[in-house]
Amino acid sequence: MRPPQGIRRMRVLLLVMLLLIGIINYVDRSTLAIANHSVQDEFGIGPTEMGLLLSVFSWAYAFAQLPAGGLLDRFGPRKVLGGGLLLWSVAQAFCGVAANFKQMLFGRLFLGVGEAPAFPGGAKVVADWFPRESRGLPIGLFNTASTLAPAIAPPLLTWLMLSYGWRTMFVVAGVAGIVLALIWFAVYRDRAQLSAEPGPAPEPVSLREWLGLLRHRSTWGMMIGFSGVIYSIYLYLTWLPAYLSSERGLSVADTGIALVVPYLAGTLGMLSGGGVGDLLVRRGFSTMIARKVPICAGLLLGGLCTIPVALTPSTALALVCISASQFFMNNASAGAWSLAATVGAERITASLGSLQNFGGYFGGAFAPLITGIIVDRTGSFVIALLAASGIAIAAALSYAFLVGRPVGPEPVKSTVEQRRGADGRG
């Protein structure tokens, strides 16, 4: 049975808004990297202080995941996701008027805290508005922001900085987010009911129930496994330009062109990861198996594709394998978010997603550091890439063997599973 036309229109509108929020999220993360040398020169700081500015965002973002999910499940995406968007946009604009290093550090800290609800909030919105068997594709769609934004942000932000200065670049990005936050508050309503007769609102998630999620083996499997996803994605995100120039001898111009293909492959992987899970559910597989297949396959194949990147003397083959790895890793990423939106009841979706995201970014944030140490000591990316391959394969095993039972309250079965049970096949 098709939902009413108003529900269908609202779903499309919300997906567009989630995609825009995700793009702004990643654009705002990119501003300091673009303005790196300009900020160092104006504030009179060195690489160590710049490294602290870059790192404080990641750690604030990771640890803010822990309360973000519970707040989303308790108060809803309208307040928490909208409030986070407003907070990080104000922090972004503040960085543009910061008078010194300490003020910039303060702004980057709140940028990380504010951005924390974005992707768990997106999973919560999809869980509220979409039936269980059809959540993979919309989750994959809004997660393409993580691959689209890194492709479009550098030229856009560079143009703004060269034309109007780095401070204007920060302020413009912040104001864009503030405008989008106001639109979000005006448009979104929590807990959409897909039936004509709305049921009672679910009980808000308590602190005791949130802590209870950590008693489930599946929760730890998701946290450990997602760290492998983020490790591999962040390795390429942070070190790929340096790898192409130092290891493969590409010029700056050629590197810029070469980066487009892996990001495009990653976008396609995001879209397919959720869609494959939806297809498997409709083909009769259990929700758990259907969601785990693209994750485990993506991690395994992505890890295997990284091996020839490290070992082949051919730059062309290395680029093909890098693109394949990004496709499979982002396939796994979309599958992981789809799993978070279906492995538990709707009322704990954001809590579970944020715990998985915390594990992912807590572990994945070590990728740039570990890679840098290995390259510094060996003078090559070979061992760093082989290590990333091993981590990806270990992450696949984590999802395969640790994630096995629904987390928290028993989730409502998908429409397909209900029909199978009614037919005596469940």
Protein backbone atom coordinates (compact mmCIF):
# COMPACT_ATOMS: atom_id res chain seq x y z
CA MET A 1 0.00 0.00 0.00
CA ARG A 2 1.45 3.33 -1.07
CA PRO A 3 1.63 6.05 1.59
CA PRO A 4 -0.36 9.29 1.09
CA GLN A 5 1.04 11.80 -1.38
CA GLY A 6 1.81 14.26 1.43
CA ILE A 7 4.03 11.69 3.14
CA ARG A 8 5.86 10.95 -0.12
CA ARG A 9 6.48 14.67 -0.74
CA MET A 10 7.75 15.14 2.80
CA ARG A 11 10.14 12.20 2.43
CA VAL A 12 11.67 13.74 -0.69
CA LEU A 13 11.95 17.15 0.97
CA LEU A 14 13.61 15.72 4.06
CA LEU A 15 16.11 13.69 2.03
CA VAL A 16 17.09 16.81 0.08
CA MET A 17 17.53 18.72 3.34
CA LEU A 18 19.56 15.89 4.92
CA LEU A 19 21.83 15.82 1.87
CA LEU A 20 22.35 19.61 2.09
CA ILE A 21 23.02 19.38 5.83
CA GLY A 22 25.57 16.60 5.20
CA ILE A 23 27.30 18.60 2.47
CA ILE A 24 27.56 21.70 4.67
CA ASN A 25 28.80 19.43 7.46
CA TYR A 26 31.73 18.23 5.34
CA VAL A 27 32.36 21.63 3.73
CA ASP A 28 32.76 23.18 7.18
CA ARG A 29 35.26 20.46 8.09
CA SER A 30 37.32 21.37 5.01
CA THR A 31 37.68 25.11 5.55
CA LEU A 32 40.68 24.98 7.88
CA ALA A 33 42.56 22.59 5.60
CA ILE A 34 42.06 25.04 2.71
CA ALA A 35 43.10 28.04 4.84
CA ASN A 36 45.96 26.18 6.55
CA HIS A 37 48.87 28.41 5.50
CA SER A 38 46.88 31.67 5.70
CA VAL A 39 45.81 30.95 9.29
CA GLN A 40 49.35 29.97 10.29
CA ASP A 41 50.77 33.17 8.82
CA GLU A 42 48.18 35.49 10.39
CA PHE A 43 48.27 33.93 13.87
CA GLY A 44 52.02 33.25 13.82
CA ILE A 45 51.65 29.56 14.66
CA GLY A 46 53.54 26.50 13.45
CA PRO A 47 52.65 22.99 12.31
CA THR A 48 52.19 21.73 15.89
CA GLU A 49 49.53 24.32 16.71
CA MET A 50 47.87 23.75 13.34
CA GLY A 51 47.83 20.03 14.03
CA LEU A 52 46.05 20.75 17.32
CA LEU A 53 43.44 22.88 15.52
CA LEU A 54 42.84 20.05 13.05
CA SER A 55 42.74 17.34 15.73
CA VAL A 56 40.51 19.03 18.30
CA PHE A 57 37.58 18.85 15.90
CA SER A 58 37.94 15.07 15.44
CA TRP A 59 38.11 14.25 19.13
CA ALA A 60 35.27 16.63 20.05
CA TYR A 61 33.19 15.10 17.25
CA ALA A 62 33.91 11.54 18.39
CA PHE A 63 33.14 12.02 22.08
CA ALA A 64 30.08 14.19 21.41
CA GLN A 65 28.58 11.18 19.61
CA LEU A 66 27.96 9.57 23.00
CA PRO A 67 25.32 12.03 24.27
CA ALA A 68 24.11 13.00 20.78
CA GLY A 69 22.33 9.72 20.09
CA GLY A 70 20.48 9.64 23.40
CA LEU A 71 19.42 13.26 22.98
CA LEU A 72 18.14 12.55 19.46
CA ASP A 73 16.10 9.58 20.65
CA ARG A 74 14.75 11.53 23.62
CA PHE A 75 14.01 14.94 22.08
CA GLY A 76 13.83 14.17 18.35
CA PRO A 77 15.75 15.32 15.24
CA ARG A 78 13.92 18.64 14.92
CA LYS A 79 15.40 20.03 18.14
CA VAL A 80 18.69 18.15 18.38
CA LEU A 81 19.76 17.98 14.72
CA GLY A 82 18.54 21.53 14.12
CA GLY A 83 20.24 22.76 17.28
CA GLY A 84 23.48 21.02 16.33
CA LEU A 85 23.39 22.57 12.86
CA LEU A 86 22.84 26.00 14.37
CA LEU A 87 25.63 25.52 16.94
CA TRP A 88 28.25 24.33 14.48
CA SER A 89 27.32 27.04 11.94
CA VAL A 90 27.72 29.76 14.58
CA ALA A 91 31.05 28.18 15.60
CA GLN A 92 32.13 28.13 11.95
CA ALA A 93 31.31 31.82 11.52
CA PHE A 94 33.05 32.57 14.83
CA CYS A 95 36.25 31.00 13.49
CA GLY A 96 36.11 33.59 10.71
CA VAL A 97 36.29 36.45 13.22
CA ALA A 98 38.63 34.77 15.74
CA ALA A 99 41.32 37.15 16.94
CA ASN A 100 43.91 34.58 17.98
CA PHE A 101 44.84 30.92 18.19
CA LYS A 102 42.91 30.26 21.41
CA GLN A 103 39.68 31.64 19.98
CA MET A 104 40.10 29.56 16.84
CA LEU A 105 40.70 26.48 19.01
CA PHE A 106 37.51 27.27 20.94
CA GLY A 107 35.56 27.58 17.67
CA ARG A 108 36.90 24.27 16.31
CA LEU A 109 35.95 22.52 19.55
CA PHE A 110 32.32 23.62 19.25
CA LEU A 111 32.33 22.86 15.54
CA GLY A 112 33.01 19.22 16.45
CA VAL A 113 30.38 19.14 19.19
CA GLY A 114 27.74 20.73 16.96
CA GLU A 115 28.36 18.38 14.03
CA ALA A 116 27.97 15.24 16.16
CA PRO A 117 24.16 14.82 15.72
CA ALA A 118 24.23 15.16 11.92
CA PHE A 119 24.55 11.57 10.73
CA PRO A 120 22.89 9.79 13.68
CA GLY A 121 20.12 12.36 13.25
CA GLY A 122 19.82 11.49 9.58
CA ALA A 123 19.45 7.80 10.48
CA LYS A 124 16.78 8.76 13.02
CA VAL A 125 14.84 10.77 10.43
CA VAL A 126 14.89 7.86 7.98
CA ALA A 127 13.76 5.45 10.73
CA ASP A 128 10.87 7.81 11.55
CA TRP A 129 9.69 8.35 8.00
CA PHE A 130 10.51 5.18 6.04
CA PRO A 131 9.39 1.55 6.47
CA ARG A 132 12.06 -0.85 7.71
CA GLU A 133 12.58 -2.68 4.40
CA SER A 134 13.13 0.56 2.45
CA ARG A 135 15.60 2.48 4.62
CA GLY A 136 18.85 1.46 2.96
CA LEU A 137 18.63 3.60 -0.17
CA PRO A 138 17.61 6.86 1.57
CA ILE A 139 20.36 6.36 4.15
CA GLY A 140 22.86 5.77 1.36
CA LEU A 141 21.57 8.88 -0.41
CA PHE A 142 22.09 11.32 2.43
CA ASN A 143 25.44 9.71 3.29
CA THR A 144 26.73 10.54 -0.21
CA ALA A 145 27.36 13.97 1.30
CA SER A 146 30.57 12.49 2.76
CA THR A 147 31.90 11.82 -0.76
CA LEU A 148 30.27 14.65 -2.72
CA ALA A 149 31.41 17.41 -0.37
CA PRO A 150 35.15 16.54 -0.47
CA ALA A 151 34.91 16.71 -4.26
CA ILE A 152 33.14 20.09 -4.47
CA ALA A 153 34.52 21.82 -1.36
CA PRO A 154 38.16 22.45 -2.43
CA PRO A 155 37.46 24.46 -5.61
CA LEU A 156 34.54 26.36 -4.04
CA LEU A 157 36.36 27.23 -0.83
CA THR A 158 39.60 28.06 -2.64
CA TRP A 159 37.73 30.51 -4.89
CA LEU A 160 36.11 32.17 -1.86
CA MET A 161 39.43 32.44 -0.04
CA LEU A 162 41.38 33.81 -3.00
CA SER A 163 38.62 36.26 -3.90
CA TYR A 164 37.59 37.53 -0.46
CA GLY A 165 40.03 36.15 2.13
CA TRP A 166 40.00 33.18 4.47
CA ARG A 167 37.88 34.95 7.10
CA THR A 168 35.08 35.62 4.62
CA MET A 169 35.24 31.97 3.55
CA PHE A 170 34.56 30.85 7.13
CA VAL A 171 31.77 33.39 7.68
CA VAL A 172 29.97 32.58 4.40
CA ALA A 173 30.03 28.86 5.21
CA GLY A 174 28.68 29.56 8.69
CA VAL A 175 25.87 31.82 7.49
CA ALA A 176 24.80 29.19 4.92
CA GLY A 177 24.41 26.69 7.76
CA ILE A 178 22.45 29.15 9.92
CA VAL A 179 19.97 29.74 7.07
CA LEU A 180 19.55 25.99 6.54
CA ALA A 181 19.00 25.50 10.30
CA LEU A 182 16.14 28.03 10.25
CA ILE A 183 14.56 26.22 7.29
CA TRP A 184 14.92 22.90 9.13
CA PHE A 185 13.12 24.25 12.21
CA ALA A 186 10.33 25.58 10.00
CA VAL A 187 9.84 22.39 7.95
CA TYR A 188 10.56 19.34 10.10
CA ARG A 189 8.16 17.68 12.51
CA ASP A 190 9.24 14.75 14.70
CA ARG A 191 7.80 11.25 14.75
CA ALA A 192 5.93 11.18 11.47
CA GLN A 193 3.17 8.58 11.50
CA LEU A 194 2.87 6.53 8.33
CA SER A 195 -0.63 5.34 9.09
CA ALA A 196 -3.83 7.32 8.98
CA GLU A 197 -4.36 6.74 12.71
CA PRO A 198 -1.31 7.95 14.64
CA GLY A 199 -0.34 5.77 17.54
CA PRO A 200 1.00 6.82 20.94
CA ALA A 201 4.44 8.37 21.01
CA PRO A 202 7.15 5.98 22.23
CA GLU A 203 8.68 6.38 25.66
CA PRO A 204 11.85 8.48 25.56
CA VAL A 205 15.12 6.61 25.98
CA SER A 206 16.38 6.68 29.56
CA LEU A 207 20.03 6.82 30.62
CA ARG A 208 19.74 3.30 32.02
CA GLU A 209 18.41 2.00 28.71
CA TRP A 210 21.15 3.83 26.79
CA LEU A 211 23.84 2.29 29.00
CA GLY A 212 22.14 -1.07 28.49
CA LEU A 213 23.01 -0.93 24.80
CA LEU A 214 26.65 -1.46 25.78
CA ARG A 215 25.78 -4.86 27.23
CA HIS A 216 25.00 -6.21 23.76
CA ARG A 217 27.72 -7.98 21.81
CA SER A 218 26.23 -6.62 18.58
CA THR A 219 26.79 -3.04 19.77
CA TRP A 220 30.50 -3.70 20.33
CA GLY A 221 30.74 -5.51 17.01
CA MET A 222 29.31 -2.46 15.26
CA MET A 223 31.64 -0.08 17.10
CA ILE A 224 34.75 -2.15 16.39
CA GLY A 225 33.75 -2.88 12.81
CA PHE A 226 32.94 0.72 11.95
CA SER A 227 36.38 1.82 13.16
CA GLY A 228 37.75 -0.27 10.28
CA VAL A 229 35.44 1.48 7.82
CA ILE A 230 36.45 4.96 8.98
CA TYR A 231 40.14 4.01 9.22
CA SER A 232 40.28 3.06 5.55
CA ILE A 233 38.20 6.02 4.38
CA TYR A 234 40.20 8.51 6.46
CA LEU A 235 43.54 7.09 5.31
CA TYR A 236 42.67 7.96 1.71
CA LEU A 237 40.89 11.19 2.64
CA THR A 238 43.91 12.58 4.50
CA TRP A 239 46.90 11.01 2.72
CA LEU A 240 45.83 10.33 -0.86
CA PRO A 241 47.14 13.64 -2.32
CA ALA A 242 50.53 13.13 -0.64
CA TYR A 243 50.63 9.49 -1.75
CA LEU A 244 49.93 10.38 -5.39
CA SER A 245 52.59 13.09 -5.44
CA SER A 246 55.38 11.43 -3.43
CA GLU A 247 54.84 7.73 -4.16
CA ARG A 248 53.47 8.00 -7.71
CA GLY A 249 55.14 11.21 -8.86
CA LEU A 250 51.98 13.03 -10.02
CA SER A 251 52.01 16.81 -10.33
CA VAL A 252 49.65 18.99 -8.28
CA ALA A 253 47.40 19.47 -11.31
CA ASP A 254 47.35 15.76 -12.15
CA THR A 255 46.66 14.90 -8.50
CA GLY A 256 43.63 17.20 -8.46
CA ILE A 257 42.23 15.46 -11.53
CA ALA A 258 43.04 11.98 -10.19
CA LEU A 259 41.17 12.65 -6.93
CA VAL A 260 37.83 13.06 -8.71
CA VAL A 261 37.47 9.41 -9.72
CA PRO A 262 37.84 7.87 -6.20
CA TYR A 263 35.31 10.33 -4.80
CA LEU A 264 32.88 9.51 -7.60
CA ALA A 265 33.40 5.80 -6.95
CA GLY A 266 32.75 6.39 -3.25
CA THR A 267 29.48 8.16 -4.06
CA LEU A 268 28.32 5.20 -6.13
CA GLY A 269 29.32 2.89 -3.30
CA MET A 270 27.22 4.88 -0.84
CA LEU A 271 24.16 4.63 -3.06
CA SER A 272 24.55 0.92 -3.73
CA GLY A 273 25.36 -0.12 -0.15
CA GLY A 274 21.93 0.72 1.20
CA GLY A 275 20.11 -0.32 -1.97
CA VAL A 276 21.63 -3.82 -1.94
CA GLY A 277 20.38 -4.34 1.61
CA ASP A 278 16.86 -3.23 0.64
CA LEU A 279 16.89 -5.62 -2.31
CA LEU A 280 17.95 -8.56 -0.15
CA VAL A 281 15.17 -7.83 2.35
CA ARG A 282 12.63 -7.80 -0.46
CA ARG A 283 14.09 -11.11 -1.74
CA GLY A 284 13.26 -12.75 1.58
CA PHE A 285 16.50 -12.53 3.56
CA SER A 286 16.25 -11.63 7.22
CA THR A 287 16.87 -7.96 8.01
CA MET A 288 20.07 -8.75 9.92
CA ILE A 289 21.60 -10.84 7.13
CA ALA A 290 20.49 -8.39 4.41
CA ARG A 291 22.14 -5.45 6.17
CA LYS A 292 25.36 -7.31 7.03
CA VAL A 293 26.07 -8.59 3.51
CA PRO A 294 27.06 -5.22 1.93
CA ILE A 295 29.08 -4.31 5.05
CA CYS A 296 31.12 -7.51 5.23
CA ALA A 297 31.52 -7.79 1.46
CA GLY A 298 32.47 -4.11 1.18
CA LEU A 299 35.12 -4.32 3.92
CA LEU A 300 36.55 -7.58 2.61
CA LEU A 301 36.73 -6.47 -1.03
CA GLY A 302 37.88 -2.96 -0.11
CA GLY A 303 40.69 -4.40 2.00
CA LEU A 304 41.75 -6.79 -0.77
CA CYS A 305 41.75 -3.94 -3.34
CA THR A 306 44.16 -2.00 -1.12
CA ILE A 307 46.85 -4.69 -1.40
CA PRO A 308 47.67 -4.05 -5.10
CA VAL A 309 47.66 -0.29 -4.39
CA ALA A 310 50.63 -0.95 -2.12
CA LEU A 311 52.44 -3.42 -4.35
CA THR A 312 51.81 -2.58 -8.01
CA PRO A 313 54.41 -0.54 -9.95
CA SER A 314 51.64 0.73 -12.25
CA THR A 315 50.14 4.10 -11.32
CA ALA A 316 47.10 3.45 -13.53
CA LEU A 317 46.37 0.13 -11.80
CA ALA A 318 46.89 1.77 -8.40
CA LEU A 319 44.29 4.44 -9.24
CA VAL A 320 41.83 1.78 -10.41
CA CYS A 321 42.30 -0.17 -7.18
CA ILE A 322 42.04 3.00 -5.05
CA SER A 323 38.72 3.80 -6.76
CA ALA A 324 37.51 0.21 -6.24
CA SER A 325 38.53 0.35 -2.59
CA GLN A 326 36.63 3.61 -2.09
CA PHE A 327 33.57 2.11 -3.78
CA PHE A 328 33.57 -0.94 -1.51
CA MET A 329 34.44 0.95 1.69
CA ASN A 330 31.65 3.47 1.18
CA ASN A 331 29.37 0.56 0.28
CA ALA A 332 30.18 -0.80 3.74
CA SER A 333 29.65 2.61 5.33
CA ALA A 334 26.15 2.98 3.88
CA GLY A 335 25.38 -0.59 4.92
CA ALA A 336 26.55 0.13 8.47
CA TRP A 337 24.23 3.12 8.82
CA SER A 338 21.38 1.06 7.36
CA LEU A 339 22.12 -1.62 9.95
CA ALA A 340 21.95 0.95 12.76
CA ALA A 341 18.54 2.06 11.50
CA THR A 342 17.10 -1.46 11.43
CA VAL A 343 18.87 -3.67 14.00
CA GLY A 344 16.98 -2.14 16.93
CA ALA A 345 13.65 -0.51 17.63
CA GLU A 346 13.07 2.94 16.13
CA ARG A 347 13.24 4.62 19.53
CA ILE A 348 16.96 3.68 19.92
CA THR A 349 18.07 4.24 16.30
CA ALA A 350 20.06 7.41 16.96
CA SER A 351 21.59 6.05 20.19
CA LEU A 352 22.84 2.95 18.42
CA GLY A 353 24.00 4.89 15.37
CA SER A 354 25.93 7.37 17.49
CA LEU A 355 27.65 4.58 19.44
CA GLN A 356 28.71 2.97 16.15
CA ASN A 357 29.89 6.35 14.88
CA PHE A 358 31.83 6.99 18.10
CA GLY A 359 33.65 3.69 17.67
CA GLY A 360 34.30 4.49 14.04
CA TYR A 361 35.78 7.93 14.60
CA PHE A 362 37.60 7.05 17.82
CA GLY A 363 39.48 4.30 16.01
CA GLY A 364 39.50 5.85 12.56
CA ALA A 365 41.00 9.10 13.79
CA PHE A 366 44.26 7.22 14.33
CA ALA A 367 44.59 6.53 10.59
CA PRO A 368 46.30 9.83 9.69
CA LEU A 369 48.64 9.58 12.69
CA ILE A 370 49.60 5.92 12.23
CA THR A 371 50.06 6.39 8.49
CA GLY A 372 52.27 9.42 9.07
CA ILE A 373 54.44 7.54 11.57
CA ILE A 374 54.87 4.55 9.24
CA VAL A 375 55.69 6.74 6.22
CA ASP A 376 58.11 8.83 8.30
CA ARG A 377 60.00 5.74 9.48
CA THR A 378 59.93 3.68 6.27
CA GLY A 379 59.87 6.40 3.61
CA SER A 380 57.02 4.58 1.84
CA PHE A 381 53.26 4.01 1.99
CA VAL A 382 53.54 0.25 1.37
CA ILE A 383 53.35 -0.95 4.98
CA ALA A 384 50.71 1.68 5.85
CA LEU A 385 48.47 0.47 3.02
CA LEU A 386 48.96 -3.21 3.88
CA ALA A 387 48.11 -2.41 7.51
CA ALA A 388 44.90 -0.69 6.37
CA SER A 389 44.02 -3.76 4.34
CA GLY A 390 44.41 -5.99 7.39
CA ILE A 391 42.31 -3.63 9.54
CA ALA A 392 39.50 -3.66 6.96
CA ILE A 393 39.44 -7.46 6.83
CA ALA A 394 39.41 -7.65 10.65
CA ALA A 395 36.49 -5.20 10.67
CA ALA A 396 34.57 -7.46 8.28
CA LEU A 397 35.05 -10.33 10.73
CA SER A 398 33.78 -8.12 13.56
CA TYR A 399 30.51 -7.46 11.75
CA ALA A 400 30.24 -11.08 10.61
CA PHE A 401 30.75 -12.80 13.98
CA LEU A 402 30.01 -10.25 16.72
CA VAL A 403 26.88 -8.66 15.25
CA GLY A 404 24.20 -11.32 15.38
CA ARG A 405 21.21 -10.38 17.50
CA PRO A 406 18.93 -7.32 17.55
CA VAL A 407 20.03 -4.65 20.00
CA GLY A 408 17.78 -3.43 22.80
CA PRO A 409 14.01 -3.75 22.42
CA GLU A 410 12.98 -6.19 19.71
CA PRO A 411 12.52 -4.22 16.47
CA VAL A 412 9.29 -4.37 14.56
CA LYS A 413 9.62 -6.83 11.69
CA SER A 414 9.72 -5.51 8.15
CA THR A 415 6.63 -5.84 5.99
CA VAL A 416 8.34 -8.62 4.04
CA GLU A 417 9.18 -10.56 7.21
CA GLN A 418 5.63 -10.16 8.50
CA ARG A 419 4.23 -11.57 5.25
CA ARG A 420 6.69 -14.49 5.42
CA GLY A 421 5.57 -15.25 8.96
CA ALA A 422 1.90 -15.08 8.00
CA ASP A 423 2.57 -17.54 5.18
CA GLY A 424 4.18 -19.96 7.60
CA ARG A 425 7.70 -19.38 6.29
CA GLY A 426 9.04 -17.34 9.22
